[in-house]
Every structure is written in structure tokens, then in C-alpha cells.
Amino acid sequence: AVASLDKQTQTPTTERSREIEIWELHC
């Protein structure tokens, strides 16, 4: 949504630039 409002086109991610989602949890 932020990229769309900034008028940026989503491009396919490469293996090097793809992001991995990690959760930091304080419990």
C-alpha cells in the first residue's frame, strides 16, 4: 500500500534481495 501511494511499481524480488520475515518476541 505504501509503495502504491508513493507511485512505485512492485518488481519481482531476486534471490539476493528477497526478504525473510523474522519475529523478535519478548514474552
mmCIF file of all heavy atoms, coordinates in Angstrom:
data_MODEL
# 
_entry.id   MODEL 
# 
loop_
_atom_site.group_PDB 
_atom_site.id 
_atom_site.type_symbol 
_atom_site.label_atom_id 
_atom_site.label_alt_id 
_atom_site.label_comp_id 
_atom_site.label_asym_id 
_atom_site.label_entity_id 
_atom_site.label_seq_id 
_atom_site.pdbx_PDB_ins_code 
_atom_site.Cartn_x 
_atom_site.Cartn_y 
_atom_site.Cartn_z 
_atom_site.occupancy 
_atom_site.B_iso_or_equiv 
_atom_site.pdbx_formal_charge 
_atom_site.auth_seq_id 
_atom_site.auth_comp_id 
_atom_site.auth_asym_id 
_atom_site.auth_atom_id 
_atom_site.pdbx_PDB_model_num 
ATOM 1   N N   . ALA A 1 1  ? 0.830  -1.210  0.000   1.00 0.00 ? 1  ALA A N   1 
ATOM 2   C CA  . ALA A 1 1  ? 0.000  0.000   0.000   1.00 0.00 ? 1  ALA A CA  1 
ATOM 3   C C   . ALA A 1 1  ? 0.863  1.258   0.000   1.00 0.00 ? 1  ALA A C   1 
ATOM 4   O O   . ALA A 1 1  ? 0.573  2.212   -0.727  1.00 0.00 ? 1  ALA A O   1 
ATOM 5   C CB  . ALA A 1 1  ? -0.918 -0.006  1.222   1.00 0.00 ? 1  ALA A CB  1 
ATOM 6   N N   . VAL A 1 2  ? 1.936  1.270   0.790   1.00 0.00 ? 2  VAL A N   1 
ATOM 7   C CA  . VAL A 1 2  ? 2.835  2.421   0.838   1.00 0.00 ? 2  VAL A CA  1 
ATOM 8   C C   . VAL A 1 2  ? 3.502  2.630   -0.516  1.00 0.00 ? 2  VAL A C   1 
ATOM 9   O O   . VAL A 1 2  ? 3.609  3.756   -1.016  1.00 0.00 ? 2  VAL A O   1 
ATOM 10  C CB  . VAL A 1 2  ? 3.888  2.237   1.950   1.00 0.00 ? 2  VAL A CB  1 
ATOM 11  C CG1 . VAL A 1 2  ? 4.966  3.314   1.855   1.00 0.00 ? 2  VAL A CG1 1 
ATOM 12  C CG2 . VAL A 1 2  ? 3.224  2.283   3.328   1.00 0.00 ? 2  VAL A CG2 1 
ATOM 13  N N   . ALA A 1 3  ? 3.962  1.545   -1.137  1.00 0.00 ? 3  ALA A N   1 
ATOM 14  C CA  . ALA A 1 3  ? 4.599  1.660   -2.454  1.00 0.00 ? 3  ALA A CA  1 
ATOM 15  C C   . ALA A 1 3  ? 3.620  2.199   -3.492  1.00 0.00 ? 3  ALA A C   1 
ATOM 16  O O   . ALA A 1 3  ? 3.985  3.012   -4.344  1.00 0.00 ? 3  ALA A O   1 
ATOM 17  C CB  . ALA A 1 3  ? 5.138  0.299   -2.893  1.00 0.00 ? 3  ALA A CB  1 
ATOM 18  N N   . SER A 1 4  ? 2.359  1.754   -3.425  1.00 0.00 ? 4  SER A N   1 
ATOM 19  C CA  . SER A 1 4  ? 1.351  2.237   -4.368  1.00 0.00 ? 4  SER A CA  1 
ATOM 20  C C   . SER A 1 4  ? 1.101  3.734   -4.183  1.00 0.00 ? 4  SER A C   1 
ATOM 21  O O   . SER A 1 4  ? 1.010  4.481   -5.163  1.00 0.00 ? 4  SER A O   1 
ATOM 22  C CB  . SER A 1 4  ? 0.048  1.465   -4.173  1.00 0.00 ? 4  SER A CB  1 
ATOM 23  O OG  . SER A 1 4  ? -0.973 1.974   -4.998  1.00 0.00 ? 4  SER A OG  1 
ATOM 24  N N   . LEU A 1 5  ? 1.012  4.202   -2.931  1.00 0.00 ? 5  LEU A N   1 
ATOM 25  C CA  . LEU A 1 5  ? 0.806  5.626   -2.669  1.00 0.00 ? 5  LEU A CA  1 
ATOM 26  C C   . LEU A 1 5  ? 2.023  6.456   -3.078  1.00 0.00 ? 5  LEU A C   1 
ATOM 27  O O   . LEU A 1 5  ? 1.893  7.622   -3.428  1.00 0.00 ? 5  LEU A O   1 
ATOM 28  C CB  . LEU A 1 5  ? 0.489  5.843   -1.193  1.00 0.00 ? 5  LEU A CB  1 
ATOM 29  C CG  . LEU A 1 5  ? -0.880 5.315   -0.723  1.00 0.00 ? 5  LEU A CG  1 
ATOM 30  C CD1 . LEU A 1 5  ? -0.996 5.382   0.791   1.00 0.00 ? 5  LEU A CD1 1 
ATOM 31  C CD2 . LEU A 1 5  ? -2.004 6.113   -1.370  1.00 0.00 ? 5  LEU A CD2 1 
ATOM 32  N N   . ASP A 1 6  ? 3.206  5.842   -3.010  1.00 0.00 ? 6  ASP A N   1 
ATOM 33  C CA  . ASP A 1 6  ? 4.424  6.534   -3.443  1.00 0.00 ? 6  ASP A CA  1 
ATOM 34  C C   . ASP A 1 6  ? 4.641  6.444   -4.948  1.00 0.00 ? 6  ASP A C   1 
ATOM 35  O O   . ASP A 1 6  ? 5.693  6.852   -5.446  1.00 0.00 ? 6  ASP A O   1 
ATOM 36  C CB  . ASP A 1 6  ? 5.645  5.944   -2.720  1.00 0.00 ? 6  ASP A CB  1 
ATOM 37  C CG  . ASP A 1 6  ? 5.722  6.370   -1.272  1.00 0.00 ? 6  ASP A CG  1 
ATOM 38  O OD1 . ASP A 1 6  ? 5.044  7.353   -0.915  1.00 0.00 ? 6  ASP A OD1 1 
ATOM 39  O OD2 . ASP A 1 6  ? 6.447  5.721   -0.486  1.00 0.00 ? 6  ASP A OD2 1 
ATOM 40  N N   . LYS A 1 7  ? 3.654  5.870   -5.648  1.00 0.00 ? 7  LYS A N   1 
ATOM 41  C CA  . LYS A 1 7  ? 3.714  5.741   -7.112  1.00 0.00 ? 7  LYS A CA  1 
ATOM 42  C C   . LYS A 1 7  ? 4.913  4.901   -7.557  1.00 0.00 ? 7  LYS A C   1 
ATOM 43  O O   . LYS A 1 7  ? 5.571  5.188   -8.560  1.00 0.00 ? 7  LYS A O   1 
ATOM 44  C CB  . LYS A 1 7  ? 3.783  7.126   -7.791  1.00 0.00 ? 7  LYS A CB  1 
ATOM 45  C CG  . LYS A 1 7  ? 2.653  8.070   -7.400  1.00 0.00 ? 7  LYS A CG  1 
ATOM 46  C CD  . LYS A 1 7  ? 1.313  7.574   -7.908  1.00 0.00 ? 7  LYS A CD  1 
ATOM 47  C CE  . LYS A 1 7  ? 0.197  8.595   -7.696  1.00 0.00 ? 7  LYS A CE  1 
ATOM 48  N NZ  . LYS A 1 7  ? -0.093 8.864   -6.280  1.00 0.00 ? 7  LYS A NZ  1 
ATOM 49  N N   . GLN A 1 8  ? 5.179  3.832   -6.805  1.00 0.00 ? 8  GLN A N   1 
ATOM 50  C CA  . GLN A 1 8  ? 6.267  2.935   -7.159  1.00 0.00 ? 8  GLN A CA  1 
ATOM 51  C C   . GLN A 1 8  ? 5.684  1.600   -7.614  1.00 0.00 ? 8  GLN A C   1 
ATOM 52  O O   . GLN A 1 8  ? 4.742  1.080   -7.006  1.00 0.00 ? 8  GLN A O   1 
ATOM 53  C CB  . GLN A 1 8  ? 7.197  2.696   -5.969  1.00 0.00 ? 8  GLN A CB  1 
ATOM 54  C CG  . GLN A 1 8  ? 7.944  3.946   -5.526  1.00 0.00 ? 8  GLN A CG  1 
ATOM 55  C CD  . GLN A 1 8  ? 9.028  3.620   -4.537  1.00 0.00 ? 8  GLN A CD  1 
ATOM 56  O OE1 . GLN A 1 8  ? 9.898  2.799   -4.791  1.00 0.00 ? 8  GLN A OE1 1 
ATOM 57  N NE2 . GLN A 1 8  ? 8.979  4.269   -3.378  1.00 0.00 ? 8  GLN A NE2 1 
ATOM 58  N N   . THR A 1 9  ? 6.264  1.042   -8.658  1.00 0.00 ? 9  THR A N   1 
ATOM 59  C CA  . THR A 1 9  ? 5.808  -0.235  -9.192  1.00 0.00 ? 9  THR A CA  1 
ATOM 60  C C   . THR A 1 9  ? 6.524  -1.368  -8.475  1.00 0.00 ? 9  THR A C   1 
ATOM 61  O O   . THR A 1 9  ? 7.755  -1.348  -8.328  1.00 0.00 ? 9  THR A O   1 
ATOM 62  C CB  . THR A 1 9  ? 6.081  -0.323  -10.701 1.00 0.00 ? 9  THR A CB  1 
ATOM 63  O OG1 . THR A 1 9  ? 5.474  0.798   -11.342 1.00 0.00 ? 9  THR A OG1 1 
ATOM 64  C CG2 . THR A 1 9  ? 5.530  -1.607  -11.283 1.00 0.00 ? 9  THR A CG2 1 
ATOM 65  N N   . GLN A 1 10 ? 5.757  -2.356  -8.041  1.00 0.00 ? 10 GLN A N   1 
ATOM 66  C CA  . GLN A 1 10 ? 6.360  -3.520  -7.400  1.00 0.00 ? 10 GLN A CA  1 
ATOM 67  C C   . GLN A 1 10 ? 7.078  -4.365  -8.446  1.00 0.00 ? 10 GLN A C   1 
ATOM 68  O O   . GLN A 1 10 ? 6.521  -4.686  -9.503  1.00 0.00 ? 10 GLN A O   1 
ATOM 69  C CB  . GLN A 1 10 ? 5.284  -4.360  -6.714  1.00 0.00 ? 10 GLN A CB  1 
ATOM 70  C CG  . GLN A 1 10 ? 4.589  -3.647  -5.566  1.00 0.00 ? 10 GLN A CG  1 
ATOM 71  C CD  . GLN A 1 10 ? 5.490  -3.552  -4.334  1.00 0.00 ? 10 GLN A CD  1 
ATOM 72  O OE1 . GLN A 1 10 ? 6.381  -4.356  -4.150  1.00 0.00 ? 10 GLN A OE1 1 
ATOM 73  N NE2 . GLN A 1 10 ? 5.257  -2.551  -3.514  1.00 0.00 ? 10 GLN A NE2 1 
ATOM 74  N N   . THR A 1 11 ? 8.327  -4.708  -8.180  1.00 0.00 ? 11 THR A N   1 
ATOM 75  C CA  . THR A 1 11 ? 9.101  -5.542  -9.102  1.00 0.00 ? 11 THR A CA  1 
ATOM 76  C C   . THR A 1 11 ? 9.387  -6.884  -8.432  1.00 0.00 ? 11 THR A C   1 
ATOM 77  O O   . THR A 1 11 ? 9.512  -6.959  -7.210  1.00 0.00 ? 11 THR A O   1 
ATOM 78  C CB  . THR A 1 11 ? 10.430 -4.860  -9.463  1.00 0.00 ? 11 THR A CB  1 
ATOM 79  O OG1 . THR A 1 11 ? 11.155 -4.567  -8.255  1.00 0.00 ? 11 THR A OG1 1 
ATOM 80  C CG2 . THR A 1 11 ? 10.183 -3.565  -10.216 1.00 0.00 ? 11 THR A CG2 1 
ATOM 81  N N   . PRO A 1 12 ? 9.516  -7.945  -9.231  1.00 0.00 ? 12 PRO A N   1 
ATOM 82  C CA  . PRO A 1 12 ? 9.820  -9.255  -8.638  1.00 0.00 ? 12 PRO A CA  1 
ATOM 83  C C   . PRO A 1 12 ? 11.154 -9.220  -7.903  1.00 0.00 ? 12 PRO A C   1 
ATOM 84  O O   . PRO A 1 12 ? 12.120 -8.612  -8.358  1.00 0.00 ? 12 PRO A O   1 
ATOM 85  C CB  . PRO A 1 12 ? 9.885  -10.186 -9.859  1.00 0.00 ? 12 PRO A CB  1 
ATOM 86  C CG  . PRO A 1 12 ? 9.147  -9.463  -10.941 1.00 0.00 ? 12 PRO A CG  1 
ATOM 87  C CD  . PRO A 1 12 ? 9.353  -8.002  -10.681 1.00 0.00 ? 12 PRO A CD  1 
ATOM 88  N N   . THR A 1 13 ? 11.196 -9.875  -6.754  1.00 0.00 ? 13 THR A N   1 
ATOM 89  C CA  . THR A 1 13 ? 12.429 -9.884  -5.963  1.00 0.00 ? 13 THR A CA  1 
ATOM 90  C C   . THR A 1 13 ? 13.370 -10.963 -6.480  1.00 0.00 ? 13 THR A C   1 
ATOM 91  O O   . THR A 1 13 ? 12.946 -12.024 -6.938  1.00 0.00 ? 13 THR A O   1 
ATOM 92  C CB  . THR A 1 13 ? 12.122 -10.161 -4.488  1.00 0.00 ? 13 THR A CB  1 
ATOM 93  O OG1 . THR A 1 13 ? 11.399 -11.395 -4.386  1.00 0.00 ? 13 THR A OG1 1 
ATOM 94  C CG2 . THR A 1 13 ? 11.283 -9.052  -3.900  1.00 0.00 ? 13 THR A CG2 1 
ATOM 95  N N   . THR A 1 14 ? 14.651 -10.678 -6.415  1.00 0.00 ? 14 THR A N   1 
ATOM 96  C CA  . THR A 1 14 ? 15.657 -11.674 -6.762  1.00 0.00 ? 14 THR A CA  1 
ATOM 97  C C   . THR A 1 14 ? 16.039 -12.446 -5.513  1.00 0.00 ? 14 THR A C   1 
ATOM 98  O O   . THR A 1 14 ? 15.677 -12.097 -4.389  1.00 0.00 ? 14 THR A O   1 
ATOM 99  C CB  . THR A 1 14 ? 16.906 -10.984 -7.341  1.00 0.00 ? 14 THR A CB  1 
ATOM 100 O OG1 . THR A 1 14 ? 17.485 -10.151 -6.318  1.00 0.00 ? 14 THR A OG1 1 
ATOM 101 C CG2 . THR A 1 14 ? 16.543 -10.128 -8.547  1.00 0.00 ? 14 THR A CG2 1 
ATOM 102 N N   . GLU A 1 15 ? 16.792 -13.520 -5.707  1.00 0.00 ? 15 GLU A N   1 
ATOM 103 C CA  . GLU A 1 15 ? 17.224 -14.330 -4.569  1.00 0.00 ? 15 GLU A CA  1 
ATOM 104 C C   . GLU A 1 15 ? 18.038 -13.498 -3.591  1.00 0.00 ? 15 GLU A C   1 
ATOM 105 O O   . GLU A 1 15 ? 17.940 -13.666 -2.387  1.00 0.00 ? 15 GLU A O   1 
ATOM 106 C CB  . GLU A 1 15 ? 18.056 -15.519 -5.083  1.00 0.00 ? 15 GLU A CB  1 
ATOM 107 C CG  . GLU A 1 15 ? 18.641 -16.425 -3.990  1.00 0.00 ? 15 GLU A CG  1 
ATOM 108 C CD  . GLU A 1 15 ? 17.578 -17.181 -3.217  1.00 0.00 ? 15 GLU A CD  1 
ATOM 109 O OE1 . GLU A 1 15 ? 16.454 -17.326 -3.747  1.00 0.00 ? 15 GLU A OE1 1 
ATOM 110 O OE2 . GLU A 1 15 ? 17.862 -17.619 -2.097  1.00 0.00 ? 15 GLU A OE2 1 
ATOM 111 N N   . ARG A 1 16 ? 18.820 -12.547 -4.112  1.00 0.00 ? 16 ARG A N   1 
ATOM 112 C CA  . ARG A 1 16 ? 19.679 -11.747 -3.240  1.00 0.00 ? 16 ARG A CA  1 
ATOM 113 C C   . ARG A 1 16 ? 18.885 -10.676 -2.480  1.00 0.00 ? 16 ARG A C   1 
ATOM 114 O O   . ARG A 1 16 ? 19.217 -10.344 -1.343  1.00 0.00 ? 16 ARG A O   1 
ATOM 115 C CB  . ARG A 1 16 ? 20.778 -11.083 -4.071  1.00 0.00 ? 16 ARG A CB  1 
ATOM 116 C CG  . ARG A 1 16 ? 21.776 -10.296 -3.242  1.00 0.00 ? 16 ARG A CG  1 
ATOM 117 C CD  . ARG A 1 16 ? 22.886 -9.722  -4.101  1.00 0.00 ? 16 ARG A CD  1 
ATOM 118 N NE  . ARG A 1 16 ? 23.792 -8.918  -3.309  1.00 0.00 ? 16 ARG A NE  1 
ATOM 119 C CZ  . ARG A 1 16 ? 24.793 -9.376  -2.588  1.00 0.00 ? 16 ARG A CZ  1 
ATOM 120 N NH1 . ARG A 1 16 ? 25.021 -10.673 -2.544  1.00 0.00 ? 16 ARG A NH1 1 
ATOM 121 N NH2 . ARG A 1 16 ? 25.580 -8.577  -1.900  1.00 0.00 ? 16 ARG A NH2 1 
ATOM 122 N N   . SER A 1 17 ? 17.836 -10.126 -3.117  1.00 0.00 ? 17 SER A N   1 
ATOM 123 C CA  . SER A 1 17 ? 17.121 -9.022  -2.490  1.00 0.00 ? 17 SER A CA  1 
ATOM 124 C C   . SER A 1 17 ? 15.854 -9.452  -1.756  1.00 0.00 ? 17 SER A C   1 
ATOM 125 O O   . SER A 1 17 ? 15.217 -8.631  -1.110  1.00 0.00 ? 17 SER A O   1 
ATOM 126 C CB  . SER A 1 17 ? 16.752 -7.973  -3.550  1.00 0.00 ? 17 SER A CB  1 
ATOM 127 O OG  . SER A 1 17 ? 15.836 -8.524  -4.481  1.00 0.00 ? 17 SER A OG  1 
ATOM 128 N N   . ARG A 1 18 ? 15.447 -10.713 -1.875  1.00 0.00 ? 18 ARG A N   1 
ATOM 129 C CA  . ARG A 1 18 ? 14.224 -11.154 -1.199  1.00 0.00 ? 18 ARG A CA  1 
ATOM 130 C C   . ARG A 1 18 ? 14.386 -10.990 0.310   1.00 0.00 ? 18 ARG A C   1 
ATOM 131 O O   . ARG A 1 18 ? 15.491 -11.065 0.846   1.00 0.00 ? 18 ARG A O   1 
ATOM 132 C CB  . ARG A 1 18 ? 13.930 -12.614 -1.533  1.00 0.00 ? 18 ARG A CB  1 
ATOM 133 C CG  . ARG A 1 18 ? 14.933 -13.617 -0.926  1.00 0.00 ? 18 ARG A CG  1 
ATOM 134 C CD  . ARG A 1 18 ? 14.633 -15.033 -1.347  1.00 0.00 ? 18 ARG A CD  1 
ATOM 135 N NE  . ARG A 1 18 ? 15.664 -15.940 -0.859  1.00 0.00 ? 18 ARG A NE  1 
ATOM 136 C CZ  . ARG A 1 18 ? 15.611 -16.567 0.310   1.00 0.00 ? 18 ARG A CZ  1 
ATOM 137 N NH1 . ARG A 1 18 ? 14.574 -16.384 1.110   1.00 0.00 ? 18 ARG A NH1 1 
ATOM 138 N NH2 . ARG A 1 18 ? 16.584 -17.385 0.687   1.00 0.00 ? 18 ARG A NH2 1 
ATOM 139 N N   . GLU A 1 19 ? 13.286 -10.782 0.980   1.00 0.00 ? 19 GLU A N   1 
ATOM 140 C CA  . GLU A 1 19 ? 13.327 -10.551 2.422   1.00 0.00 ? 19 GLU A CA  1 
ATOM 141 C C   . GLU A 1 19 ? 12.780 -11.748 3.172   1.00 0.00 ? 19 GLU A C   1 
ATOM 142 O O   . GLU A 1 19 ? 11.857 -12.430 2.703   1.00 0.00 ? 19 GLU A O   1 
ATOM 143 C CB  . GLU A 1 19 ? 12.522 -9.294  2.768   1.00 0.00 ? 19 GLU A CB  1 
ATOM 144 C CG  . GLU A 1 19 ? 13.160 -8.013  2.246   1.00 0.00 ? 19 GLU A CG  1 
ATOM 145 C CD  . GLU A 1 19 ? 12.373 -6.775  2.650   1.00 0.00 ? 19 GLU A CD  1 
ATOM 146 O OE1 . GLU A 1 19 ? 11.135 -6.857  2.715   1.00 0.00 ? 19 GLU A OE1 1 
ATOM 147 O OE2 . GLU A 1 19 ? 13.003 -5.734  2.905   1.00 0.00 ? 19 GLU A OE2 1 
ATOM 148 N N   . ILE A 1 20 ? 13.359 -11.995 4.337   1.00 0.00 ? 20 ILE A N   1 
ATOM 149 C CA  . ILE A 1 20 ? 12.932 -13.098 5.200   1.00 0.00 ? 20 ILE A CA  1 
ATOM 150 C C   . ILE A 1 20 ? 12.331 -12.487 6.456   1.00 0.00 ? 20 ILE A C   1 
ATOM 151 O O   . ILE A 1 20 ? 12.920 -11.605 7.076   1.00 0.00 ? 20 ILE A O   1 
ATOM 152 C CB  . ILE A 1 20 ? 14.129 -13.999 5.563   1.00 0.00 ? 20 ILE A CB  1 
ATOM 153 C CG1 . ILE A 1 20 ? 14.724 -14.597 4.283   1.00 0.00 ? 20 ILE A CG1 1 
ATOM 154 C CG2 . ILE A 1 20 ? 13.713 -15.098 6.527   1.00 0.00 ? 20 ILE A CG2 1 
ATOM 155 C CD1 . ILE A 1 20 ? 16.026 -15.318 4.497   1.00 0.00 ? 20 ILE A CD1 1 
ATOM 156 N N   . GLU A 1 21 ? 11.155 -12.967 6.812   1.00 0.00 ? 21 GLU A N   1 
ATOM 157 C CA  . GLU A 1 21 ? 10.418 -12.392 7.938   1.00 0.00 ? 21 GLU A CA  1 
ATOM 158 C C   . GLU A 1 21 ? 10.776 -13.114 9.229   1.00 0.00 ? 21 GLU A C   1 
ATOM 159 O O   . GLU A 1 21 ? 10.547 -14.323 9.356   1.00 0.00 ? 21 GLU A O   1 
ATOM 160 C CB  . GLU A 1 21 ? 8.918  -12.492 7.668   1.00 0.00 ? 21 GLU A CB  1 
ATOM 161 C CG  . GLU A 1 21 ? 8.059  -11.752 8.659   1.00 0.00 ? 21 GLU A CG  1 
ATOM 162 C CD  . GLU A 1 21 ? 6.606  -11.692 8.209   1.00 0.00 ? 21 GLU A CD  1 
ATOM 163 O OE1 . GLU A 1 21 ? 6.309  -10.948 7.262   1.00 0.00 ? 21 GLU A OE1 1 
ATOM 164 O OE2 . GLU A 1 21 ? 5.790  -12.413 8.806   1.00 0.00 ? 21 GLU A OE2 1 
ATOM 165 N N   . ILE A 1 22 ? 11.361 -12.380 10.172  1.00 0.00 ? 22 ILE A N   1 
ATOM 166 C CA  . ILE A 1 22 ? 11.748 -12.916 11.476  1.00 0.00 ? 22 ILE A CA  1 
ATOM 167 C C   . ILE A 1 22 ? 11.002 -12.137 12.555  1.00 0.00 ? 22 ILE A C   1 
ATOM 168 O O   . ILE A 1 22 ? 10.922 -10.911 12.501  1.00 0.00 ? 22 ILE A O   1 
ATOM 169 C CB  . ILE A 1 22 ? 13.275 -12.794 11.709  1.00 0.00 ? 22 ILE A CB  1 
ATOM 170 C CG1 . ILE A 1 22 ? 14.056 -13.474 10.572  1.00 0.00 ? 22 ILE A CG1 1 
ATOM 171 C CG2 . ILE A 1 22 ? 13.663 -13.374 13.065  1.00 0.00 ? 22 ILE A CG2 1 
ATOM 172 C CD1 . ILE A 1 22 ? 13.903 -14.963 10.507  1.00 0.00 ? 22 ILE A CD1 1 
ATOM 173 N N   . TRP A 1 23 ? 10.481 -12.832 13.544  1.00 0.00 ? 23 TRP A N   1 
ATOM 174 C CA  . TRP A 1 23 ? 9.784  -12.188 14.664  1.00 0.00 ? 23 TRP A CA  1 
ATOM 175 C C   . TRP A 1 23 ? 10.694 -12.150 15.886  1.00 0.00 ? 23 TRP A C   1 
ATOM 176 O O   . TRP A 1 23 ? 11.242 -13.175 16.298  1.00 0.00 ? 23 TRP A O   1 
ATOM 177 C CB  . TRP A 1 23 ? 8.499  -12.942 15.006  1.00 0.00 ? 23 TRP A CB  1 
ATOM 178 C CG  . TRP A 1 23 ? 7.396  -12.704 14.033  1.00 0.00 ? 23 TRP A CG  1 
ATOM 179 C CD1 . TRP A 1 23 ? 7.058  -13.480 12.956  1.00 0.00 ? 23 TRP A CD1 1 
ATOM 180 C CD2 . TRP A 1 23 ? 6.491  -11.600 14.029  1.00 0.00 ? 23 TRP A CD2 1 
ATOM 181 N NE1 . TRP A 1 23 ? 6.008  -12.927 12.289  1.00 0.00 ? 23 TRP A NE1 1 
ATOM 182 C CE2 . TRP A 1 23 ? 5.630  -11.780 12.921  1.00 0.00 ? 23 TRP A CE2 1 
ATOM 183 C CE3 . TRP A 1 23 ? 6.317  -10.487 14.851  1.00 0.00 ? 23 TRP A CE3 1 
ATOM 184 C CZ2 . TRP A 1 23 ? 4.612  -10.883 12.617  1.00 0.00 ? 23 TRP A CZ2 1 
ATOM 185 C CZ3 . TRP A 1 23 ? 5.309  -9.599  14.547  1.00 0.00 ? 23 TRP A CZ3 1 
ATOM 186 C CH2 . TRP A 1 23 ? 4.467  -9.789  13.446  1.00 0.00 ? 23 TRP A CH2 1 
ATOM 187 N N   . GLU A 1 24 ? 10.887 -10.940 16.427  1.00 0.00 ? 24 GLU A N   1 
ATOM 188 C CA  . GLU A 1 24 ? 11.566 -10.771 17.716  1.00 0.00 ? 24 GLU A CA  1 
ATOM 189 C C   . GLU A 1 24 ? 10.477 -10.696 18.782  1.00 0.00 ? 24 GLU A C   1 
ATOM 190 O O   . GLU A 1 24 ? 9.636  -9.800  18.766  1.00 0.00 ? 24 GLU A O   1 
ATOM 191 C CB  . GLU A 1 24 ? 12.404 -9.491  17.723  1.00 0.00 ? 24 GLU A CB  1 
ATOM 192 C CG  . GLU A 1 24 ? 13.054 -9.197  19.075  1.00 0.00 ? 24 GLU A CG  1 
ATOM 193 C CD  . GLU A 1 24 ? 13.760 -7.855  19.101  1.00 0.00 ? 24 GLU A CD  1 
ATOM 194 O OE1 . GLU A 1 24 ? 14.008 -7.284  18.013  1.00 0.00 ? 24 GLU A OE1 1 
ATOM 195 O OE2 . GLU A 1 24 ? 14.058 -7.360  20.214  1.00 0.00 ? 24 GLU A OE2 1 
ATOM 196 N N   . LEU A 1 25 ? 10.487 -11.639 19.722  1.00 0.00 ? 25 LEU A N   1 
ATOM 197 C CA  . LEU A 1 25 ? 9.394  -11.774 20.681  1.00 0.00 ? 25 LEU A CA  1 
ATOM 198 C C   . LEU A 1 25 ? 9.915  -11.633 22.103  1.00 0.00 ? 25 LEU A C   1 
ATOM 199 O O   . LEU A 1 25 ? 10.888 -12.286 22.488  1.00 0.00 ? 25 LEU A O   1 
ATOM 200 C CB  . LEU A 1 25 ? 8.714  -13.134 20.508  1.00 0.00 ? 25 LEU A CB  1 
ATOM 201 C CG  . LEU A 1 25 ? 8.079  -13.335 19.132  1.00 0.00 ? 25 LEU A CG  1 
ATOM 202 C CD1 . LEU A 1 25 ? 8.105  -14.789 18.717  1.00 0.00 ? 25 LEU A CD1 1 
ATOM 203 C CD2 . LEU A 1 25 ? 6.663  -12.810 19.107  1.00 0.00 ? 25 LEU A CD2 1 
ATOM 204 N N   . HIS A 1 26 ? 9.273  -10.761 22.853  1.00 0.00 ? 26 HIS A N   1 
ATOM 205 C CA  . HIS A 1 26 ? 9.569  -10.585 24.275  1.00 0.00 ? 26 HIS A CA  1 
ATOM 206 C C   . HIS A 1 26 ? 8.375  -11.156 25.033  1.00 0.00 ? 26 HIS A C   1 
ATOM 207 O O   . HIS A 1 26 ? 7.267  -10.615 24.937  1.00 0.00 ? 26 HIS A O   1 
ATOM 208 C CB  . HIS A 1 26 ? 9.782  -9.112  24.606  1.00 0.00 ? 26 HIS A CB  1 
ATOM 209 C CG  . HIS A 1 26 ? 10.959 -8.504  23.896  1.00 0.00 ? 26 HIS A CG  1 
ATOM 210 N ND1 . HIS A 1 26 ? 12.144 -8.208  24.534  1.00 0.00 ? 26 HIS A ND1 1 
ATOM 211 C CD2 . HIS A 1 26 ? 11.128 -8.170  22.591  1.00 0.00 ? 26 HIS A CD2 1 
ATOM 212 C CE1 . HIS A 1 26 ? 12.991 -7.699  23.660  1.00 0.00 ? 26 HIS A CE1 1 
ATOM 213 N NE2 . HIS A 1 26 ? 12.409 -7.665  22.483  1.00 0.00 ? 26 HIS A NE2 1 
ATOM 214 N N   . CYS A 1 27 ? 8.596  -12.253 25.747  1.00 0.00 ? 27 CYS A N   1 
ATOM 215 C CA  . CYS A 1 27 ? 7.454  -12.943 26.339  1.00 0.00 ? 27 CYS A CA  1 
ATOM 216 C C   . CYS A 1 27 ? 7.760  -13.381 27.766  1.00 0.00 ? 27 CYS A C   1 
ATOM 217 O O   . CYS A 1 27 ? 8.917  -13.446 28.192  1.00 0.00 ? 27 CYS A O   1 
ATOM 218 C CB  . CYS A 1 27 ? 7.054  -14.147 25.497  1.00 0.00 ? 27 CYS A CB  1 
ATOM 219 S SG  . CYS A 1 27 ? 8.258  -15.480 25.498  1.00 0.00 ? 27 CYS A SG  1 
# 
